Amino acid sequence: MPVQFHPKIRERKIARISASALAEFIIAAPDRQDELLHDQRFQSGYVAPKHQQALSAIRAFCADMTRDWSRFETARAALVEKSLAIGLKPSQREEAARCVESLDLFRANAGNTFGALATPFFEGPSLNMMTVNGLPVSVYPDLLVGSRVPVEVGKK
C-alpha cells in the first residue's frame, strides 16, 4: 500500500529544483543537501521567499521612474521598526533585520551599477523550465534591467 501524506504535502512526480535552491544546494553541507532535495520533492504549502519585504521595496522603487529615495527610506524605516518590535517573534525580527541589510546593500551598491537611475526596471516574465546538466530548473527573475523585454523571453 502506498504511503499516505498529509493533505497539505504534495509530492512532485517529476524531479525539479528552483534556481535559488540549486544555488543553496551547491554551497551546502551534505546534510543540508539532503534536506534541500527532500524539500524540493515533498512540498508543503507556500513558503514565503526570504527577503520578500526588501524585494517588494526594491521593486516599487525601481518601478517608479522618478526613483524617489524618500519612499525607499520609508520602507526601510518601517522594517527597522519591525526589527526592533518586542511583540514579534524572534524569527520575524531577524527577517526584518536581514531585509534592512539587503536594502542598505542595494542603496550602497546598486545606485548606478546598471545605470539604475536612468534605466527602467520591470518585473521578469515567467520563463520556461530549463535543463541544467539533466536537472530541470525553474527560474523566476525578480527584476530585469533594460529598455524593453524581448518578446520571445516571456513566451511559453
N, C-alpha and C. Protein backbone atom coordinates (compact mmCIF):
# COMPACT_ATOMS: atom_id res chain seq x y z
N MET A 1 0.84 -1.18 0.00
CA MET A 1 0.00 0.00 0.00
C MET A 1 0.89 1.25 0.00
N PRO A 2 0.61 2.24 -0.88
CA PRO A 2 1.45 3.44 -0.94
C PRO A 2 1.33 4.27 0.34
N VAL A 3 2.37 5.02 0.61
CA VAL A 3 2.41 5.88 1.78
C VAL A 3 1.43 7.04 1.57
N GLN A 4 0.64 7.36 2.60
CA GLN A 4 -0.30 8.46 2.54
C GLN A 4 0.31 9.69 3.21
N PHE A 5 0.37 10.79 2.48
CA PHE A 5 0.91 12.03 3.01
C PHE A 5 -0.21 12.88 3.59
N HIS A 6 0.18 13.82 4.43
CA HIS A 6 -0.77 14.81 4.94
C HIS A 6 -1.33 15.55 3.73
N PRO A 7 -2.61 15.97 3.76
CA PRO A 7 -3.21 16.64 2.60
C PRO A 7 -2.47 17.90 2.13
N LYS A 8 -1.74 18.56 3.02
CA LYS A 8 -1.03 19.77 2.62
C LYS A 8 0.30 19.48 1.93
N ILE A 9 0.75 18.24 1.97
CA ILE A 9 2.05 17.89 1.38
C ILE A 9 1.83 17.31 -0.01
N ARG A 10 2.50 17.92 -0.99
CA ARG A 10 2.45 17.43 -2.37
C ARG A 10 3.76 16.75 -2.71
N GLU A 11 3.66 15.67 -3.44
CA GLU A 11 4.88 15.02 -3.95
C GLU A 11 4.98 15.33 -5.43
N ARG A 12 6.12 15.85 -5.82
CA ARG A 12 6.35 16.12 -7.24
C ARG A 12 6.73 14.82 -7.91
N LYS A 13 6.02 14.49 -8.96
CA LYS A 13 6.31 13.25 -9.70
C LYS A 13 7.52 13.42 -10.61
N ILE A 14 7.73 14.66 -11.08
CA ILE A 14 8.87 14.95 -11.96
C ILE A 14 9.89 15.73 -11.14
N ALA A 15 11.12 15.25 -11.15
CA ALA A 15 12.18 15.93 -10.38
C ALA A 15 12.45 17.31 -10.95
N ARG A 16 12.52 18.30 -10.07
CA ARG A 16 12.90 19.65 -10.47
C ARG A 16 13.35 20.40 -9.23
N ILE A 17 14.08 21.48 -9.45
CA ILE A 17 14.59 22.28 -8.35
C ILE A 17 14.60 23.74 -8.80
N SER A 18 14.34 24.64 -7.88
CA SER A 18 14.36 26.06 -8.25
C SER A 18 15.82 26.52 -8.35
N ALA A 19 16.04 27.61 -9.06
CA ALA A 19 17.40 28.12 -9.22
C ALA A 19 17.99 28.53 -7.88
N SER A 20 17.17 29.12 -7.01
CA SER A 20 17.71 29.53 -5.70
C SER A 20 18.04 28.31 -4.84
N ALA A 21 17.21 27.26 -4.91
CA ALA A 21 17.53 26.03 -4.16
C ALA A 21 18.77 25.35 -4.73
N LEU A 22 18.94 25.41 -6.05
CA LEU A 22 20.14 24.83 -6.67
C LEU A 22 21.39 25.57 -6.20
N ALA A 23 21.30 26.90 -6.15
CA ALA A 23 22.45 27.69 -5.67
C ALA A 23 22.77 27.34 -4.22
N GLU A 24 21.74 27.19 -3.40
CA GLU A 24 21.97 26.82 -2.00
C GLU A 24 22.53 25.40 -1.91
N PHE A 25 22.03 24.50 -2.77
CA PHE A 25 22.50 23.11 -2.78
C PHE A 25 24.00 23.03 -3.07
N ILE A 26 24.45 23.85 -4.01
CA ILE A 26 25.85 23.80 -4.43
C ILE A 26 26.80 24.15 -3.28
N ILE A 27 26.41 25.09 -2.43
CA ILE A 27 27.31 25.52 -1.36
C ILE A 27 27.01 24.86 -0.02
N ALA A 28 25.98 24.01 0.04
CA ALA A 28 25.54 23.43 1.31
C ALA A 28 26.38 22.21 1.71
N ALA A 29 26.35 21.95 3.01
CA ALA A 29 26.96 20.73 3.54
C ALA A 29 26.08 19.54 3.14
N PRO A 30 26.63 18.31 3.15
CA PRO A 30 25.86 17.14 2.70
C PRO A 30 24.50 16.96 3.39
N ASP A 31 24.44 17.17 4.70
CA ASP A 31 23.16 17.02 5.40
C ASP A 31 22.13 18.01 4.89
N ARG A 32 22.55 19.25 4.68
CA ARG A 32 21.65 20.28 4.16
C ARG A 32 21.24 19.97 2.73
N GLN A 33 22.15 19.38 1.94
CA GLN A 33 21.82 19.00 0.57
C GLN A 33 20.69 17.97 0.57
N ASP A 34 20.74 17.01 1.48
CA ASP A 34 19.66 16.01 1.59
C ASP A 34 18.33 16.68 1.92
N GLU A 35 18.36 17.65 2.84
CA GLU A 35 17.14 18.37 3.21
C GLU A 35 16.58 19.14 2.01
N LEU A 36 17.47 19.79 1.26
CA LEU A 36 17.02 20.56 0.09
C LEU A 36 16.37 19.67 -0.94
N LEU A 37 16.98 18.53 -1.22
CA LEU A 37 16.39 17.60 -2.20
C LEU A 37 15.04 17.09 -1.72
N HIS A 38 14.96 16.77 -0.43
CA HIS A 38 13.69 16.31 0.13
C HIS A 38 12.63 17.40 0.03
N ASP A 39 13.00 18.65 0.38
CA ASP A 39 12.05 19.76 0.34
C ASP A 39 11.58 20.05 -1.08
N GLN A 40 12.43 19.82 -2.07
CA GLN A 40 12.03 20.05 -3.46
C GLN A 40 11.07 18.96 -3.94
N ARG A 41 11.23 17.75 -3.42
CA ARG A 41 10.36 16.66 -3.84
C ARG A 41 9.02 16.70 -3.10
N PHE A 42 9.05 16.96 -1.80
CA PHE A 42 7.84 16.98 -0.99
C PHE A 42 7.60 18.39 -0.51
N GLN A 43 6.75 19.10 -1.21
CA GLN A 43 6.50 20.50 -0.84
C GLN A 43 5.23 20.61 -0.02
N SER A 44 5.29 21.43 1.01
CA SER A 44 4.12 21.64 1.86
C SER A 44 3.73 23.11 1.81
N GLY A 45 2.69 23.38 1.07
CA GLY A 45 2.14 24.73 1.02
C GLY A 45 3.10 25.76 0.46
N TYR A 46 2.71 27.02 0.57
CA TYR A 46 3.51 28.12 0.06
C TYR A 46 4.52 28.55 1.11
N VAL A 47 5.75 28.71 0.70
CA VAL A 47 6.80 29.20 1.58
C VAL A 47 7.22 30.57 1.07
N ALA A 48 7.08 31.58 1.92
CA ALA A 48 7.44 32.94 1.51
C ALA A 48 8.94 33.03 1.30
N PRO A 49 9.36 33.61 0.18
CA PRO A 49 10.80 33.75 -0.06
C PRO A 49 11.46 34.65 0.98
N LYS A 50 12.72 34.37 1.26
CA LYS A 50 13.47 35.22 2.18
C LYS A 50 13.63 36.60 1.57
N HIS A 51 13.71 37.59 2.39
CA HIS A 51 13.91 38.99 1.97
C HIS A 51 12.75 39.52 1.13
N GLN A 52 11.56 38.93 1.26
CA GLN A 52 10.42 39.35 0.45
C GLN A 52 10.07 40.82 0.66
N GLN A 53 10.13 41.29 1.90
CA GLN A 53 9.79 42.69 2.16
C GLN A 53 10.81 43.63 1.52
N ALA A 54 12.07 43.25 1.52
CA ALA A 54 13.10 44.07 0.87
C ALA A 54 12.89 44.06 -0.64
N LEU A 55 12.59 42.88 -1.20
CA LEU A 55 12.36 42.80 -2.64
C LEU A 55 11.16 43.64 -3.05
N SER A 56 10.12 43.64 -2.24
CA SER A 56 8.94 44.46 -2.56
C SER A 56 9.30 45.94 -2.59
N ALA A 57 10.09 46.39 -1.62
CA ALA A 57 10.51 47.79 -1.58
C ALA A 57 11.40 48.13 -2.78
N ILE A 58 12.30 47.23 -3.12
CA ILE A 58 13.20 47.46 -4.26
C ILE A 58 12.40 47.47 -5.56
N ARG A 59 11.46 46.54 -5.71
CA ARG A 59 10.62 46.53 -6.92
C ARG A 59 9.84 47.82 -7.06
N ALA A 60 9.23 48.27 -5.95
CA ALA A 60 8.45 49.52 -6.00
C ALA A 60 9.34 50.70 -6.36
N PHE A 61 10.53 50.75 -5.78
CA PHE A 61 11.47 51.83 -6.07
C PHE A 61 11.86 51.82 -7.55
N CYS A 62 12.17 50.64 -8.06
CA CYS A 62 12.63 50.53 -9.45
C CYS A 62 11.49 50.75 -10.45
N ALA A 63 10.27 50.41 -10.08
CA ALA A 63 9.14 50.60 -10.99
C ALA A 63 8.83 52.08 -11.18
N ASP A 64 9.15 52.88 -10.18
CA ASP A 64 8.90 54.32 -10.23
C ASP A 64 10.09 55.00 -10.92
N MET A 65 9.88 55.52 -12.11
CA MET A 65 10.98 56.13 -12.87
C MET A 65 11.55 57.37 -12.20
N THR A 66 10.84 57.96 -11.24
CA THR A 66 11.39 59.13 -10.55
C THR A 66 12.46 58.73 -9.54
N ARG A 67 12.51 57.43 -9.19
CA ARG A 67 13.49 56.90 -8.22
C ARG A 67 13.47 57.73 -6.95
N ASP A 68 12.29 57.84 -6.36
CA ASP A 68 12.08 58.64 -5.16
C ASP A 68 12.67 57.91 -3.95
N TRP A 69 13.83 58.39 -3.47
CA TRP A 69 14.50 57.74 -2.35
C TRP A 69 13.72 57.88 -1.05
N SER A 70 12.84 58.87 -0.95
CA SER A 70 12.08 59.03 0.29
C SER A 70 11.12 57.86 0.50
N ARG A 71 10.52 57.35 -0.57
CA ARG A 71 9.66 56.16 -0.46
C ARG A 71 10.49 54.94 -0.06
N PHE A 72 11.67 54.84 -0.60
CA PHE A 72 12.60 53.75 -0.27
C PHE A 72 12.95 53.83 1.22
N GLU A 73 13.27 55.03 1.69
CA GLU A 73 13.64 55.23 3.09
C GLU A 73 12.46 54.97 4.03
N THR A 74 11.25 55.28 3.58
CA THR A 74 10.06 55.00 4.40
C THR A 74 9.91 53.50 4.60
N ALA A 75 10.09 52.72 3.52
CA ALA A 75 10.01 51.26 3.62
C ALA A 75 11.11 50.73 4.53
N ARG A 76 12.31 51.29 4.42
CA ARG A 76 13.43 50.87 5.26
C ARG A 76 13.15 51.17 6.73
N ALA A 77 12.61 52.37 7.00
CA ALA A 77 12.31 52.76 8.38
C ALA A 77 11.25 51.84 9.00
N ALA A 78 10.26 51.44 8.20
CA ALA A 78 9.24 50.52 8.70
C ALA A 78 9.86 49.17 9.06
N LEU A 79 10.81 48.71 8.27
CA LEU A 79 11.48 47.45 8.55
C LEU A 79 12.40 47.56 9.77
N VAL A 80 13.05 48.71 9.94
CA VAL A 80 13.88 48.92 11.14
C VAL A 80 13.01 48.85 12.38
N GLU A 81 11.86 49.51 12.32
CA GLU A 81 10.92 49.49 13.45
C GLU A 81 10.45 48.07 13.74
N LYS A 82 10.16 47.32 12.68
CA LYS A 82 9.72 45.92 12.84
C LYS A 82 10.83 45.07 13.45
N SER A 83 12.07 45.33 13.06
CA SER A 83 13.19 44.53 13.59
C SER A 83 13.42 44.78 15.07
N LEU A 84 12.93 45.91 15.59
CA LEU A 84 13.10 46.25 17.00
C LEU A 84 11.85 45.99 17.83
N ALA A 85 10.75 45.60 17.20
CA ALA A 85 9.48 45.39 17.89
C ALA A 85 9.56 44.21 18.85
N ILE A 86 9.16 44.44 20.07
CA ILE A 86 9.23 43.39 21.10
C ILE A 86 8.10 42.38 20.94
N GLY A 87 6.97 42.80 20.43
CA GLY A 87 5.81 41.92 20.32
C GLY A 87 5.88 40.87 19.22
N LEU A 88 6.90 40.92 18.38
CA LEU A 88 7.02 39.96 17.28
C LEU A 88 7.90 38.78 17.68
N LYS A 89 7.75 37.69 16.94
CA LYS A 89 8.59 36.52 17.16
C LYS A 89 10.03 36.87 16.78
N PRO A 90 11.00 36.22 17.42
CA PRO A 90 12.41 36.49 17.06
C PRO A 90 12.70 36.25 15.58
N SER A 91 12.08 35.23 14.98
CA SER A 91 12.32 34.95 13.56
C SER A 91 11.82 36.10 12.68
N GLN A 92 10.69 36.71 13.07
CA GLN A 92 10.17 37.84 12.31
C GLN A 92 11.07 39.07 12.44
N ARG A 93 11.58 39.29 13.65
CA ARG A 93 12.50 40.42 13.86
C ARG A 93 13.80 40.20 13.07
N GLU A 94 14.31 38.95 13.07
CA GLU A 94 15.55 38.65 12.34
C GLU A 94 15.34 38.83 10.83
N GLU A 95 14.19 38.39 10.32
CA GLU A 95 13.91 38.56 8.89
C GLU A 95 13.84 40.04 8.53
N ALA A 96 13.22 40.84 9.38
CA ALA A 96 13.14 42.29 9.13
C ALA A 96 14.54 42.90 9.14
N ALA A 97 15.39 42.45 10.07
CA ALA A 97 16.77 42.97 10.13
C ALA A 97 17.55 42.58 8.88
N ARG A 98 17.34 41.36 8.39
CA ARG A 98 18.00 40.94 7.14
C ARG A 98 17.51 41.77 5.96
N CYS A 99 16.23 42.11 5.95
CA CYS A 99 15.68 42.93 4.88
C CYS A 99 16.28 44.34 4.92
N VAL A 100 16.46 44.88 6.12
CA VAL A 100 17.11 46.20 6.26
C VAL A 100 18.52 46.14 5.69
N GLU A 101 19.24 45.07 6.02
CA GLU A 101 20.60 44.91 5.50
C GLU A 101 20.59 44.82 3.97
N SER A 102 19.62 44.10 3.41
CA SER A 102 19.50 43.99 1.95
C SER A 102 19.24 45.34 1.33
N LEU A 103 18.35 46.12 1.95
CA LEU A 103 18.06 47.45 1.42
C LEU A 103 19.29 48.36 1.49
N ASP A 104 20.04 48.25 2.59
CA ASP A 104 21.26 49.05 2.71
C ASP A 104 22.28 48.67 1.63
N LEU A 105 22.41 47.38 1.37
CA LEU A 105 23.33 46.93 0.32
C LEU A 105 22.86 47.40 -1.05
N PHE A 106 21.56 47.36 -1.29
CA PHE A 106 21.02 47.84 -2.56
C PHE A 106 21.34 49.31 -2.74
N ARG A 107 21.07 50.08 -1.70
CA ARG A 107 21.31 51.53 -1.81
C ARG A 107 22.79 51.84 -2.01
N ALA A 108 23.66 51.12 -1.30
CA ALA A 108 25.10 51.39 -1.38
C ALA A 108 25.69 50.93 -2.71
N ASN A 109 25.23 49.81 -3.25
CA ASN A 109 25.90 49.20 -4.39
C ASN A 109 25.16 49.28 -5.72
N ALA A 110 23.86 49.37 -5.68
CA ALA A 110 23.11 49.29 -6.93
C ALA A 110 22.67 50.64 -7.45
N GLY A 111 23.03 51.72 -6.77
CA GLY A 111 22.59 53.04 -7.19
C GLY A 111 22.75 53.29 -8.66
N ASN A 112 23.92 53.08 -9.18
CA ASN A 112 24.10 53.29 -10.61
C ASN A 112 24.91 52.16 -11.24
N THR A 113 24.92 51.00 -10.60
CA THR A 113 25.66 49.86 -11.14
C THR A 113 25.23 49.53 -12.55
N PHE A 114 23.92 49.44 -12.75
CA PHE A 114 23.40 49.10 -14.07
C PHE A 114 22.79 50.33 -14.75
N GLY A 115 23.16 51.49 -14.30
CA GLY A 115 22.51 52.69 -14.80
C GLY A 115 21.10 52.77 -14.22
N ALA A 116 20.96 52.26 -12.99
CA ALA A 116 19.64 52.15 -12.37
C ALA A 116 18.92 53.48 -12.26
N LEU A 117 19.65 54.56 -12.19
CA LEU A 117 18.99 55.84 -12.03
C LEU A 117 18.38 56.34 -13.34
N ALA A 118 18.78 55.75 -14.45
CA ALA A 118 18.25 56.19 -15.73
C ALA A 118 17.57 55.09 -16.52
N THR A 119 17.81 53.84 -16.18
CA THR A 119 17.29 52.71 -16.95
C THR A 119 16.03 52.16 -16.30
N PRO A 120 15.02 51.83 -17.09
CA PRO A 120 13.81 51.25 -16.50
C PRO A 120 14.05 49.82 -16.03
N PHE A 121 13.40 49.47 -14.94
CA PHE A 121 13.38 48.10 -14.44
C PHE A 121 11.95 47.60 -14.64
N PHE A 122 11.78 46.32 -14.79
CA PHE A 122 10.44 45.78 -14.85
C PHE A 122 10.47 44.36 -14.32
N GLU A 123 9.28 43.89 -13.92
CA GLU A 123 9.16 42.57 -13.35
C GLU A 123 9.43 41.54 -14.43
N GLY A 124 10.15 40.50 -14.07
CA GLY A 124 10.50 39.46 -15.03
C GLY A 124 9.32 38.61 -15.43
N PRO A 125 9.30 38.13 -16.67
CA PRO A 125 8.21 37.28 -17.14
C PRO A 125 8.40 35.84 -16.63
N SER A 126 7.38 35.03 -16.77
CA SER A 126 7.51 33.61 -16.46
C SER A 126 8.35 32.97 -17.55
N LEU A 127 9.35 32.24 -17.15
CA LEU A 127 10.22 31.59 -18.11
C LEU A 127 9.95 30.09 -18.14
N ASN A 128 10.23 29.48 -19.27
CA ASN A 128 10.10 28.03 -19.37
C ASN A 128 11.10 27.37 -18.45
N MET A 129 10.78 26.13 -18.02
CA MET A 129 11.72 25.38 -17.21
C MET A 129 12.94 25.08 -18.07
N MET A 130 14.13 25.19 -17.47
CA MET A 130 15.39 24.93 -18.16
C MET A 130 15.98 23.62 -17.66
N THR A 131 16.84 23.06 -18.45
CA THR A 131 17.54 21.85 -18.02
C THR A 131 19.03 22.18 -17.90
N VAL A 132 19.58 21.97 -16.71
CA VAL A 132 21.00 22.21 -16.45
C VAL A 132 21.62 20.86 -16.09
N ASN A 133 22.49 20.37 -16.96
CA ASN A 133 23.12 19.06 -16.75
C ASN A 133 22.10 17.97 -16.43
N GLY A 134 20.99 17.96 -17.16
CA GLY A 134 19.98 16.94 -16.98
C GLY A 134 18.99 17.18 -15.86
N LEU A 135 19.14 18.28 -15.11
CA LEU A 135 18.24 18.58 -13.99
C LEU A 135 17.34 19.74 -14.37
N PRO A 136 16.01 19.53 -14.36
CA PRO A 136 15.11 20.65 -14.65
C PRO A 136 15.21 21.73 -13.57
N VAL A 137 15.36 22.98 -13.99
CA VAL A 137 15.50 24.12 -13.08
C VAL A 137 14.47 25.17 -13.46
N SER A 138 13.71 25.66 -12.46
CA SER A 138 12.76 26.74 -12.72
C SER A 138 13.37 28.06 -12.26
N VAL A 139 13.22 29.09 -13.08
CA VAL A 139 13.81 30.39 -12.79
C VAL A 139 12.71 31.44 -12.84
N TYR A 140 12.63 32.25 -11.79
CA TYR A 140 11.67 33.34 -11.71
C TYR A 140 12.43 34.61 -11.37
N PRO A 141 12.86 35.38 -12.38
CA PRO A 141 13.63 36.60 -12.10
C PRO A 141 12.77 37.64 -11.39
N ASP A 142 13.38 38.33 -10.42
CA ASP A 142 12.65 39.37 -9.69
C ASP A 142 12.55 40.64 -10.51
N LEU A 143 13.67 41.06 -11.09
CA LEU A 143 13.70 42.29 -11.87
C LEU A 143 14.58 42.09 -13.10
N LEU A 144 14.23 42.77 -14.16
CA LEU A 144 15.08 42.82 -15.34
C LEU A 144 15.44 44.27 -15.59
N VAL A 145 16.65 44.49 -16.06
CA VAL A 145 17.12 45.84 -16.35
C VAL A 145 17.20 45.98 -17.85
N GLY A 146 16.67 47.08 -18.37
CA GLY A 146 16.78 47.30 -19.80
C GLY A 146 15.73 48.24 -20.31
N SER A 147 15.79 48.48 -21.60
CA SER A 147 14.84 49.40 -22.19
C SER A 147 13.52 48.72 -22.53
N ARG A 148 13.56 47.40 -22.79
CA ARG A 148 12.33 46.67 -23.10
C ARG A 148 12.57 45.18 -22.92
N VAL A 149 11.48 44.42 -22.74
CA VAL A 149 11.56 42.96 -22.62
C VAL A 149 11.55 42.38 -24.02
N PRO A 150 12.50 41.55 -24.38
CA PRO A 150 12.42 40.89 -25.67
C PRO A 150 11.15 40.04 -25.74
N VAL A 151 10.43 40.09 -26.84
CA VAL A 151 9.16 39.43 -26.97
C VAL A 151 9.27 37.93 -26.69
N GLU A 152 10.32 37.28 -27.19
CA GLU A 152 10.44 35.84 -27.06
C GLU A 152 10.78 35.38 -25.64
N VAL A 153 11.23 36.25 -24.75
CA VAL A 153 11.62 35.85 -23.40
C VAL A 153 10.43 35.33 -22.61
N GLY A 154 9.30 35.99 -22.69
CA GLY A 154 8.16 35.61 -21.88
C GLY A 154 7.27 34.55 -22.49
N LYS A 155 7.58 34.08 -23.67
CA LYS A 155 6.73 33.09 -24.35
C LYS A 155 6.89 31.73 -23.70
N LYS A 156 5.78 31.02 -23.59
CA LYS A 156 5.81 29.65 -23.06
C LYS A 156 5.38 28.69 -24.13
